[in-house]
Amino acid sequence: MVKPKKSDYIRSAVYIGIYLLVISVSAFWLLLDLWIVWGAVVLIGMLLLVGWHQKSTAYRCPNCAHVYQISFLTDLLAPHGIDRQGAWLLLRCPNCGKRQKTQVLKSSETGS
């Protein structure tokens, strides 16, 4: 597990940008008459983004330095943010039990 590089943050921003573009453009054609289809596009896109993020990241507890991965549901629901130290999620460490902002790491399992 390593700290994400600038290129990793750019890749994430590009994926989010593509998602926002797809749901914005598709809203013009689908939202009024086929709103269920548009809702499915939004939901499927969100699930794909969260699945990719969950598989490509790990987290380091600032209290005990334990490195761990989280479930899909936790990644979907946990508060996310970016500050001067980098990206973070507010999580409870499975090792020490302390709930705090955890450092986001690039998972070595993804091969990217």
N, C-alpha and C. Protein backbone atom coordinates (compact mmCIF):
# COMPACT_ATOMS: atom_id res chain seq x y z
N MET A 1 0.84 -1.17 0.00
CA MET A 1 0.00 0.00 0.00
C MET A 1 0.89 1.24 0.00
N VAL A 2 0.57 2.15 -0.90
CA VAL A 2 1.35 3.37 -1.03
C VAL A 2 0.41 4.58 -1.06
N LYS A 3 0.98 5.74 -0.78
CA LYS A 3 0.20 6.98 -0.87
C LYS A 3 -0.18 7.23 -2.32
N PRO A 4 -1.39 7.71 -2.56
CA PRO A 4 -1.80 8.02 -3.94
C PRO A 4 -0.94 9.14 -4.51
N LYS A 5 -0.68 9.05 -5.81
CA LYS A 5 0.05 10.09 -6.52
C LYS A 5 -0.93 11.07 -7.12
N LYS A 6 -0.40 12.15 -7.65
CA LYS A 6 -1.24 13.15 -8.30
C LYS A 6 -2.04 12.53 -9.44
N SER A 7 -1.41 11.60 -10.17
CA SER A 7 -2.10 10.95 -11.28
C SER A 7 -3.30 10.13 -10.80
N ASP A 8 -3.23 9.57 -9.59
CA ASP A 8 -4.36 8.82 -9.04
C ASP A 8 -5.53 9.75 -8.74
N TYR A 9 -5.23 10.94 -8.21
CA TYR A 9 -6.28 11.93 -7.94
C TYR A 9 -6.89 12.43 -9.26
N ILE A 10 -6.05 12.61 -10.27
CA ILE A 10 -6.55 13.05 -11.57
C ILE A 10 -7.46 11.98 -12.18
N ARG A 11 -7.04 10.70 -12.08
CA ARG A 11 -7.87 9.60 -12.60
C ARG A 11 -9.23 9.59 -11.91
N SER A 12 -9.24 9.77 -10.61
CA SER A 12 -10.51 9.81 -9.87
C SER A 12 -11.38 10.97 -10.34
N ALA A 13 -10.78 12.14 -10.51
CA ALA A 13 -11.52 13.31 -10.96
C ALA A 13 -12.09 13.09 -12.37
N VAL A 14 -11.33 12.43 -13.24
CA VAL A 14 -11.81 12.15 -14.60
C VAL A 14 -13.00 11.19 -14.55
N TYR A 15 -12.91 10.13 -13.74
CA TYR A 15 -14.03 9.19 -13.63
C TYR A 15 -15.29 9.87 -13.11
N ILE A 16 -15.13 10.71 -12.10
CA ILE A 16 -16.28 11.44 -11.55
C ILE A 16 -16.83 12.42 -12.59
N GLY A 17 -15.94 13.08 -13.33
CA GLY A 17 -16.37 14.00 -14.37
C GLY A 17 -17.16 13.31 -15.46
N ILE A 18 -16.69 12.14 -15.89
CA ILE A 18 -17.40 11.36 -16.91
C ILE A 18 -18.78 10.96 -16.39
N TYR A 19 -18.84 10.52 -15.15
CA TYR A 19 -20.13 10.14 -14.54
C TYR A 19 -21.09 11.33 -14.54
N LEU A 20 -20.61 12.48 -14.09
CA LEU A 20 -21.47 13.67 -14.05
C LEU A 20 -21.91 14.10 -15.45
N LEU A 21 -21.02 13.99 -16.42
CA LEU A 21 -21.38 14.34 -17.80
C LEU A 21 -22.45 13.39 -18.34
N VAL A 22 -22.29 12.10 -18.09
CA VAL A 22 -23.27 11.12 -18.58
C VAL A 22 -24.64 11.36 -17.96
N ILE A 23 -24.70 11.58 -16.65
CA ILE A 23 -26.02 11.78 -16.04
C ILE A 23 -26.61 13.13 -16.41
N SER A 24 -25.78 14.13 -16.66
CA SER A 24 -26.30 15.44 -17.06
C SER A 24 -26.85 15.40 -18.48
N VAL A 25 -26.09 14.83 -19.40
CA VAL A 25 -26.53 14.76 -20.79
C VAL A 25 -27.75 13.84 -20.92
N SER A 26 -27.71 12.70 -20.25
CA SER A 26 -28.84 11.76 -20.36
C SER A 26 -30.11 12.33 -19.73
N ALA A 27 -29.96 13.27 -18.81
CA ALA A 27 -31.15 13.88 -18.19
C ALA A 27 -32.00 14.60 -19.23
N PHE A 28 -31.37 15.23 -20.24
CA PHE A 28 -32.12 15.94 -21.28
C PHE A 28 -33.01 15.01 -22.08
N TRP A 29 -32.56 13.78 -22.33
CA TRP A 29 -33.33 12.86 -23.15
C TRP A 29 -34.23 11.93 -22.33
N LEU A 30 -33.86 11.65 -21.10
CA LEU A 30 -34.57 10.61 -20.36
C LEU A 30 -35.40 11.10 -19.18
N LEU A 31 -35.07 12.22 -18.60
CA LEU A 31 -35.65 12.59 -17.31
C LEU A 31 -37.16 12.78 -17.35
N LEU A 32 -37.70 13.43 -18.35
CA LEU A 32 -39.14 13.70 -18.37
C LEU A 32 -39.98 12.47 -18.69
N ASP A 33 -39.64 11.77 -19.76
CA ASP A 33 -40.47 10.65 -20.20
C ASP A 33 -40.00 9.30 -19.65
N LEU A 34 -38.71 9.12 -19.53
CA LEU A 34 -38.16 7.83 -19.11
C LEU A 34 -37.33 8.01 -17.83
N TRP A 35 -37.94 8.62 -16.83
CA TRP A 35 -37.20 8.94 -15.60
C TRP A 35 -36.71 7.70 -14.87
N ILE A 36 -37.40 6.57 -15.04
CA ILE A 36 -36.94 5.33 -14.40
C ILE A 36 -35.62 4.87 -15.03
N VAL A 37 -35.51 4.99 -16.35
CA VAL A 37 -34.28 4.63 -17.04
C VAL A 37 -33.16 5.56 -16.60
N TRP A 38 -33.44 6.87 -16.49
CA TRP A 38 -32.42 7.83 -16.05
C TRP A 38 -31.98 7.50 -14.61
N GLY A 39 -32.93 7.15 -13.76
CA GLY A 39 -32.59 6.76 -12.39
C GLY A 39 -31.69 5.53 -12.37
N ALA A 40 -31.96 4.59 -13.28
CA ALA A 40 -31.11 3.39 -13.36
C ALA A 40 -29.71 3.75 -13.83
N VAL A 41 -29.59 4.69 -14.77
CA VAL A 41 -28.28 5.15 -15.24
C VAL A 41 -27.50 5.78 -14.08
N VAL A 42 -28.17 6.61 -13.31
CA VAL A 42 -27.53 7.26 -12.15
C VAL A 42 -27.09 6.21 -11.14
N LEU A 43 -27.96 5.28 -10.80
CA LEU A 43 -27.66 4.26 -9.81
C LEU A 43 -26.54 3.33 -10.25
N ILE A 44 -26.60 2.85 -11.49
CA ILE A 44 -25.57 1.95 -11.99
C ILE A 44 -24.21 2.65 -12.04
N GLY A 45 -24.21 3.90 -12.49
CA GLY A 45 -22.96 4.66 -12.51
C GLY A 45 -22.38 4.84 -11.12
N MET A 46 -23.22 5.15 -10.15
CA MET A 46 -22.76 5.32 -8.78
C MET A 46 -22.20 4.00 -8.22
N LEU A 47 -22.89 2.91 -8.48
CA LEU A 47 -22.41 1.61 -8.00
C LEU A 47 -21.08 1.23 -8.63
N LEU A 48 -20.90 1.53 -9.91
CA LEU A 48 -19.62 1.26 -10.58
C LEU A 48 -18.50 2.11 -9.98
N LEU A 49 -18.76 3.39 -9.74
CA LEU A 49 -17.75 4.26 -9.14
C LEU A 49 -17.35 3.80 -7.74
N VAL A 50 -18.33 3.48 -6.92
CA VAL A 50 -18.03 3.05 -5.55
C VAL A 50 -17.30 1.71 -5.57
N GLY A 51 -17.69 0.80 -6.43
CA GLY A 51 -17.01 -0.49 -6.53
C GLY A 51 -15.56 -0.33 -6.94
N TRP A 52 -15.31 0.54 -7.92
CA TRP A 52 -13.93 0.80 -8.33
C TRP A 52 -13.13 1.41 -7.18
N HIS A 53 -13.71 2.39 -6.50
CA HIS A 53 -13.02 3.05 -5.39
C HIS A 53 -12.73 2.07 -4.26
N GLN A 54 -13.68 1.24 -3.94
CA GLN A 54 -13.52 0.27 -2.84
C GLN A 54 -12.39 -0.71 -3.13
N LYS A 55 -12.27 -1.14 -4.38
CA LYS A 55 -11.23 -2.10 -4.74
C LYS A 55 -9.86 -1.46 -4.89
N SER A 56 -9.81 -0.17 -5.20
CA SER A 56 -8.52 0.46 -5.49
C SER A 56 -7.93 1.22 -4.30
N THR A 57 -8.58 1.19 -3.14
CA THR A 57 -8.06 1.94 -2.00
C THR A 57 -7.98 1.08 -0.74
N ALA A 58 -7.09 1.51 0.13
CA ALA A 58 -6.97 0.95 1.48
C ALA A 58 -6.83 2.15 2.41
N TYR A 59 -6.85 1.92 3.71
CA TYR A 59 -6.86 3.02 4.67
C TYR A 59 -5.89 2.74 5.80
N ARG A 60 -5.24 3.81 6.30
CA ARG A 60 -4.30 3.69 7.42
C ARG A 60 -4.85 4.50 8.59
N CYS A 61 -4.99 3.83 9.73
CA CYS A 61 -5.45 4.49 10.95
C CYS A 61 -4.35 5.42 11.47
N PRO A 62 -4.65 6.69 11.72
CA PRO A 62 -3.63 7.59 12.24
C PRO A 62 -3.27 7.31 13.70
N ASN A 63 -4.10 6.54 14.39
CA ASN A 63 -3.85 6.24 15.80
C ASN A 63 -2.89 5.06 15.98
N CYS A 64 -3.15 3.94 15.27
CA CYS A 64 -2.34 2.73 15.47
C CYS A 64 -1.58 2.30 14.21
N ALA A 65 -1.76 3.01 13.10
CA ALA A 65 -1.10 2.73 11.81
C ALA A 65 -1.53 1.42 11.17
N HIS A 66 -2.65 0.85 11.62
CA HIS A 66 -3.19 -0.36 11.02
C HIS A 66 -3.70 -0.04 9.61
N VAL A 67 -3.36 -0.87 8.62
CA VAL A 67 -3.80 -0.69 7.24
C VAL A 67 -4.89 -1.73 6.97
N TYR A 68 -6.01 -1.27 6.41
CA TYR A 68 -7.14 -2.17 6.18
C TYR A 68 -7.97 -1.68 5.00
N GLN A 69 -8.82 -2.57 4.50
CA GLN A 69 -9.77 -2.22 3.46
C GLN A 69 -11.18 -2.26 4.05
N ILE A 70 -12.11 -1.63 3.36
CA ILE A 70 -13.48 -1.53 3.86
C ILE A 70 -14.44 -2.17 2.87
N SER A 71 -15.66 -2.39 3.33
CA SER A 71 -16.69 -3.00 2.49
C SER A 71 -17.26 -1.97 1.51
N PHE A 72 -17.95 -2.48 0.51
CA PHE A 72 -18.62 -1.63 -0.48
C PHE A 72 -19.59 -0.68 0.21
N LEU A 73 -20.41 -1.19 1.11
CA LEU A 73 -21.41 -0.37 1.78
C LEU A 73 -20.77 0.73 2.64
N THR A 74 -19.70 0.40 3.35
CA THR A 74 -19.00 1.39 4.15
C THR A 74 -18.41 2.47 3.25
N ASP A 75 -17.84 2.09 2.11
CA ASP A 75 -17.29 3.07 1.18
C ASP A 75 -18.38 3.97 0.62
N LEU A 76 -19.54 3.42 0.38
CA LEU A 76 -20.66 4.21 -0.14
C LEU A 76 -21.16 5.23 0.88
N LEU A 77 -21.24 4.84 2.15
CA LEU A 77 -21.90 5.67 3.16
C LEU A 77 -20.97 6.53 4.01
N ALA A 78 -19.68 6.21 4.07
CA ALA A 78 -18.76 6.95 4.94
C ALA A 78 -18.51 8.36 4.41
N PRO A 79 -18.39 9.34 5.31
CA PRO A 79 -18.04 10.70 4.87
C PRO A 79 -16.64 10.72 4.26
N HIS A 80 -16.51 11.36 3.09
CA HIS A 80 -15.24 11.47 2.36
C HIS A 80 -14.82 12.94 2.33
N GLY A 81 -13.53 13.17 2.14
CA GLY A 81 -13.05 14.53 2.00
C GLY A 81 -11.61 14.58 1.54
N ILE A 82 -11.17 15.80 1.25
CA ILE A 82 -9.78 16.06 0.87
C ILE A 82 -9.33 17.28 1.65
N ASP A 83 -8.14 17.19 2.25
CA ASP A 83 -7.56 18.34 2.92
C ASP A 83 -6.08 18.44 2.54
N ARG A 84 -5.31 19.23 3.26
CA ARG A 84 -3.90 19.44 2.91
C ARG A 84 -3.07 18.16 2.99
N GLN A 85 -3.48 17.21 3.80
CA GLN A 85 -2.74 15.95 3.93
C GLN A 85 -3.16 14.92 2.89
N GLY A 86 -4.19 15.20 2.12
CA GLY A 86 -4.66 14.28 1.08
C GLY A 86 -6.09 13.85 1.34
N ALA A 87 -6.49 12.77 0.69
CA ALA A 87 -7.86 12.27 0.80
C ALA A 87 -8.04 11.53 2.12
N TRP A 88 -9.28 11.55 2.64
CA TRP A 88 -9.58 10.87 3.89
C TRP A 88 -11.02 10.36 3.89
N LEU A 89 -11.28 9.39 4.74
CA LEU A 89 -12.62 8.92 5.06
C LEU A 89 -12.73 8.88 6.57
N LEU A 90 -13.91 9.15 7.07
CA LEU A 90 -14.16 9.06 8.50
C LEU A 90 -14.61 7.62 8.79
N LEU A 91 -13.70 6.85 9.42
CA LEU A 91 -13.93 5.42 9.64
C LEU A 91 -13.55 5.02 11.06
N ARG A 92 -14.08 3.88 11.49
CA ARG A 92 -13.69 3.28 12.77
C ARG A 92 -12.67 2.18 12.47
N CYS A 93 -11.49 2.29 13.09
CA CYS A 93 -10.42 1.33 12.86
C CYS A 93 -10.82 -0.04 13.43
N PRO A 94 -10.69 -1.10 12.64
CA PRO A 94 -11.02 -2.44 13.15
C PRO A 94 -10.01 -2.95 14.17
N ASN A 95 -8.83 -2.31 14.25
CA ASN A 95 -7.80 -2.74 15.17
C ASN A 95 -7.93 -2.06 16.54
N CYS A 96 -7.98 -0.73 16.56
CA CYS A 96 -8.01 0.00 17.83
C CYS A 96 -9.40 0.51 18.20
N GLY A 97 -10.34 0.51 17.25
CA GLY A 97 -11.71 0.93 17.52
C GLY A 97 -11.94 2.43 17.54
N LYS A 98 -10.92 3.23 17.27
CA LYS A 98 -11.07 4.68 17.30
C LYS A 98 -11.65 5.17 15.97
N ARG A 99 -12.65 6.08 16.06
CA ARG A 99 -13.28 6.65 14.87
C ARG A 99 -12.64 8.00 14.57
N GLN A 100 -12.02 8.10 13.39
CA GLN A 100 -11.37 9.35 13.00
C GLN A 100 -11.10 9.36 11.51
N LYS A 101 -10.58 10.49 11.02
CA LYS A 101 -10.21 10.58 9.60
C LYS A 101 -9.04 9.65 9.33
N THR A 102 -9.21 8.75 8.37
CA THR A 102 -8.16 7.81 8.03
C THR A 102 -7.51 8.21 6.72
N GLN A 103 -6.24 7.95 6.60
CA GLN A 103 -5.48 8.27 5.40
C GLN A 103 -5.82 7.27 4.30
N VAL A 104 -6.10 7.78 3.11
CA VAL A 104 -6.39 6.94 1.96
C VAL A 104 -5.08 6.52 1.31
N LEU A 105 -4.97 5.23 1.05
CA LEU A 105 -3.80 4.66 0.36
C LEU A 105 -4.24 3.99 -0.92
N LYS A 106 -3.32 3.86 -1.85
CA LYS A 106 -3.58 3.13 -3.09
C LYS A 106 -3.36 1.66 -2.81
N SER A 107 -4.36 0.84 -3.07
CA SER A 107 -4.28 -0.59 -2.81
C SER A 107 -3.36 -1.26 -3.80
N SER A 108 -2.52 -2.16 -3.32
CA SER A 108 -1.62 -2.88 -4.22
C SER A 108 -2.32 -4.01 -4.94
N GLU A 109 -3.54 -4.35 -4.53
CA GLU A 109 -4.29 -5.45 -5.17
C GLU A 109 -4.79 -5.10 -6.56
N THR A 110 -4.90 -3.81 -6.87
CA THR A 110 -5.49 -3.41 -8.15
C THR A 110 -4.52 -3.51 -9.31
N GLY A 111 -3.22 -3.47 -9.01
CA GLY A 111 -2.24 -3.55 -10.09
C GLY A 111 -2.10 -2.29 -10.88
N SER A 112 -2.76 -1.19 -10.49
CA SER A 112 -2.65 0.06 -11.24
C SER A 112 -1.84 1.07 -10.51
